[in-house]
Amino acid sequence: MKVLIEALKQEDARALLAFESKNREFFERTVPTRGEAYYQDEHFQESLQALLAEQAEGTAFFSLIKSEQGIILGRMNLVDIDQKRASAELGYRVGEEAAGKGVASSALGLLLGEYVQQLGIREVHAKTTADNIASQKVLLKNGFVFQQADAQGFLHYHWTL
């Protein structure tokens, strides 16, 4: 499945809230809940504004993974961008209908190939739980190297340009 990466913008609010709401149960099977308030329009808009402000400051890059038809399939973010170290932390999530179809792998390849250099990032850190085999495969397929497991059960990975 061909995917596109687009920087998050205000115009995505309605479609993003629909995507998050539709996939809420699916996401909450593997990650902590964002809480009921997150799915309320007013709170969601406030959260979105905070993300867009972070992005404008250059401390994060929030993107949507979309199909060629413009349907949101997931999210992929670089946060805690440190310009001095030229590093960032990676986070992503793919909706239930797109899971297992290579969407995350393709999107991560695009992010690393098209956006990381533009953002001045030379190293990316990621972590996943030990039981999230799919996420581990996505990272390894895109050149991340396993670094260590921590006491909380997270596996840490590193990618360098």
Protein backbone atom coordinates (compact mmCIF):
# COMPACT_ATOMS: atom_id res chain seq x y z
CA MET A 1 0.00 0.00 0.00
CA LYS A 2 1.46 3.36 -1.03
CA VAL A 3 1.43 5.94 1.75
CA LEU A 4 2.19 9.62 2.11
CA ILE A 5 3.50 11.62 5.05
CA GLU A 6 2.07 15.09 5.63
CA ALA A 7 2.89 17.57 8.37
CA LEU A 8 0.03 17.97 10.83
CA LYS A 9 -2.03 21.12 10.32
CA GLN A 10 -5.16 22.68 11.77
CA GLU A 11 -7.23 21.61 8.76
CA ASP A 12 -6.70 17.97 9.80
CA ALA A 13 -8.52 18.38 13.13
CA ARG A 14 -11.89 16.88 12.23
CA ALA A 15 -10.45 13.91 10.31
CA LEU A 16 -7.83 13.28 13.00
CA LEU A 17 -10.38 13.25 15.80
CA ALA A 18 -12.50 10.80 13.78
CA PHE A 19 -9.43 8.58 13.22
CA GLU A 20 -8.47 8.65 16.90
CA SER A 21 -12.05 7.94 18.02
CA LYS A 22 -12.49 5.09 15.55
CA ASN A 23 -9.23 3.45 16.67
CA ARG A 24 -9.46 4.23 20.37
CA GLU A 25 -10.24 0.69 21.49
CA PHE A 26 -7.58 -0.75 19.18
CA PHE A 27 -4.90 1.62 20.50
CA GLU A 28 -5.88 1.12 24.14
CA ARG A 29 -5.18 -2.60 23.84
CA THR A 30 -1.46 -1.81 23.73
CA VAL A 31 -0.92 1.72 25.08
CA PRO A 32 -2.35 3.61 28.05
CA THR A 33 -5.58 5.50 27.41
CA ARG A 34 -5.45 9.19 26.63
CA GLY A 35 -8.51 9.65 28.81
CA GLU A 36 -12.10 10.52 28.00
CA ALA A 37 -11.42 14.26 27.72
CA TYR A 38 -9.03 13.73 24.80
CA TYR A 39 -11.96 12.65 22.61
CA GLN A 40 -14.09 15.69 23.43
CA ASP A 41 -13.92 18.28 20.65
CA GLU A 42 -12.88 21.24 22.82
CA HIS A 43 -10.11 19.33 24.58
CA PHE A 44 -8.96 17.76 21.33
CA GLN A 45 -8.70 21.22 19.72
CA GLU A 46 -6.64 22.47 22.67
CA SER A 47 -4.32 19.47 22.39
CA LEU A 48 -3.96 20.00 18.66
CA GLN A 49 -3.08 23.67 19.19
CA ALA A 50 -0.38 22.68 21.68
CA LEU A 51 1.09 20.21 19.16
CA LEU A 52 1.05 22.79 16.38
CA ALA A 53 2.78 25.32 18.66
CA GLU A 54 5.50 22.77 19.45
CA GLN A 55 5.91 22.10 15.76
CA ALA A 56 6.17 25.83 15.00
CA GLU A 57 8.90 26.14 17.67
CA GLY A 58 10.88 23.36 15.99
CA THR A 59 10.89 21.09 19.02
CA ALA A 60 8.67 18.49 17.34
CA PHE A 61 7.44 17.33 13.95
CA PHE A 62 3.97 15.82 13.92
CA SER A 63 2.80 14.08 10.78
CA LEU A 64 -0.08 12.07 9.47
CA ILE A 65 0.30 8.91 7.48
CA LYS A 66 -2.25 9.05 4.67
CA SER A 67 -3.36 6.89 1.78
CA GLU A 68 -3.12 8.22 -1.76
CA GLN A 69 -6.79 9.14 -1.36
CA GLY A 70 -6.00 11.33 1.65
CA ILE A 71 -7.43 8.98 4.30
CA ILE A 72 -5.58 9.04 7.63
CA LEU A 73 -3.98 5.66 8.29
CA GLY A 74 -1.80 6.64 11.24
CA ARG A 75 0.49 9.15 12.86
CA MET A 76 4.26 9.43 12.97
CA ASN A 77 6.02 11.98 15.16
CA LEU A 78 9.47 13.21 16.03
CA VAL A 79 9.47 14.80 19.48
CA ASP A 80 12.05 16.23 21.85
CA ILE A 81 14.01 17.51 18.88
CA ASP A 82 17.37 18.66 20.19
CA GLN A 83 19.02 20.94 17.64
CA LYS A 84 22.37 20.90 19.47
CA ARG A 85 22.56 17.11 19.41
CA ALA A 86 20.65 16.86 16.10
CA SER A 87 18.49 14.16 17.67
CA ALA A 88 14.85 13.30 18.22
CA GLU A 89 12.54 10.66 19.68
CA LEU A 90 10.26 8.72 17.34
CA GLY A 91 6.66 7.75 18.03
CA TYR A 92 4.01 6.31 15.74
CA ARG A 93 0.68 4.56 15.63
CA VAL A 94 -1.23 2.97 12.77
CA GLY A 95 -4.98 2.41 12.79
CA GLU A 96 -6.49 -1.05 12.98
CA GLU A 97 -7.52 -1.23 9.31
CA ALA A 98 -3.98 -0.43 8.16
CA ALA A 99 -2.11 -2.59 10.70
CA GLY A 100 -0.03 -5.43 9.30
CA LYS A 101 0.02 -4.00 5.75
CA GLY A 102 3.46 -2.40 5.75
CA VAL A 103 2.08 1.09 6.40
CA ALA A 104 4.33 1.86 9.38
CA SER A 105 7.43 0.53 7.61
CA SER A 106 6.75 2.54 4.48
CA ALA A 107 5.91 5.69 6.43
CA LEU A 108 9.03 5.43 8.57
CA GLY A 109 11.13 5.03 5.43
CA LEU A 110 9.58 8.24 4.06
CA LEU A 111 10.09 10.09 7.33
CA LEU A 112 13.75 9.09 7.54
CA GLY A 113 14.36 9.71 3.86
CA GLU A 114 12.49 12.96 3.33
CA TYR A 115 12.03 14.82 6.60
CA VAL A 116 14.82 13.97 9.00
CA GLN A 117 17.54 15.79 7.04
CA GLN A 118 15.27 18.80 6.41
CA LEU A 119 14.80 19.05 10.16
CA GLY A 120 18.55 18.85 10.81
CA ILE A 121 18.24 15.53 12.64
CA ARG A 122 21.09 13.02 12.43
CA GLU A 123 19.98 10.50 15.03
CA VAL A 124 16.61 9.15 16.07
CA HIS A 125 15.79 7.17 19.20
CA ALA A 126 12.79 4.87 19.58
CA LYS A 127 11.44 2.50 22.16
CA THR A 128 8.82 -0.21 22.17
CA THR A 129 7.57 -2.85 24.53
CA ALA A 130 9.15 -6.28 24.45
CA ASP A 131 5.89 -7.87 23.28
CA ASN A 132 5.34 -5.45 20.37
CA ILE A 133 7.06 -7.60 17.75
CA ALA A 134 5.48 -5.72 14.84
CA SER A 135 6.97 -2.41 16.01
CA GLN A 136 10.36 -4.01 16.54
CA LYS A 137 10.27 -5.31 12.95
CA VAL A 138 9.33 -1.85 11.62
CA LEU A 139 12.31 -0.31 13.38
CA LEU A 140 14.81 -2.99 12.31
CA LYS A 141 13.56 -2.93 8.71
CA ASN A 142 14.33 0.81 8.61
CA GLY A 143 17.87 0.56 9.92
CA PHE A 144 17.36 1.05 13.64
CA VAL A 145 19.75 -0.88 15.87
CA PHE A 146 18.74 -2.42 19.19
CA GLN A 147 20.55 -0.72 22.09
CA GLN A 148 19.18 -2.07 25.37
CA ALA A 149 16.22 -3.20 27.41
CA ASP A 150 15.34 -1.14 30.47
CA ALA A 151 13.93 -2.11 33.85
CA GLN A 152 10.39 -1.07 32.80
CA GLY A 153 10.39 -3.60 29.94
CA PHE A 154 11.02 -1.18 27.07
CA LEU A 155 13.41 -1.99 24.27
CA HIS A 156 15.47 0.97 23.06
CA TYR A 157 16.58 1.44 19.47
CA HIS A 158 18.82 3.96 17.71
CA TRP A 159 19.12 5.16 14.11
CA THR A 160 21.92 7.37 12.75
CA LEU A 161 22.11 9.17 9.44
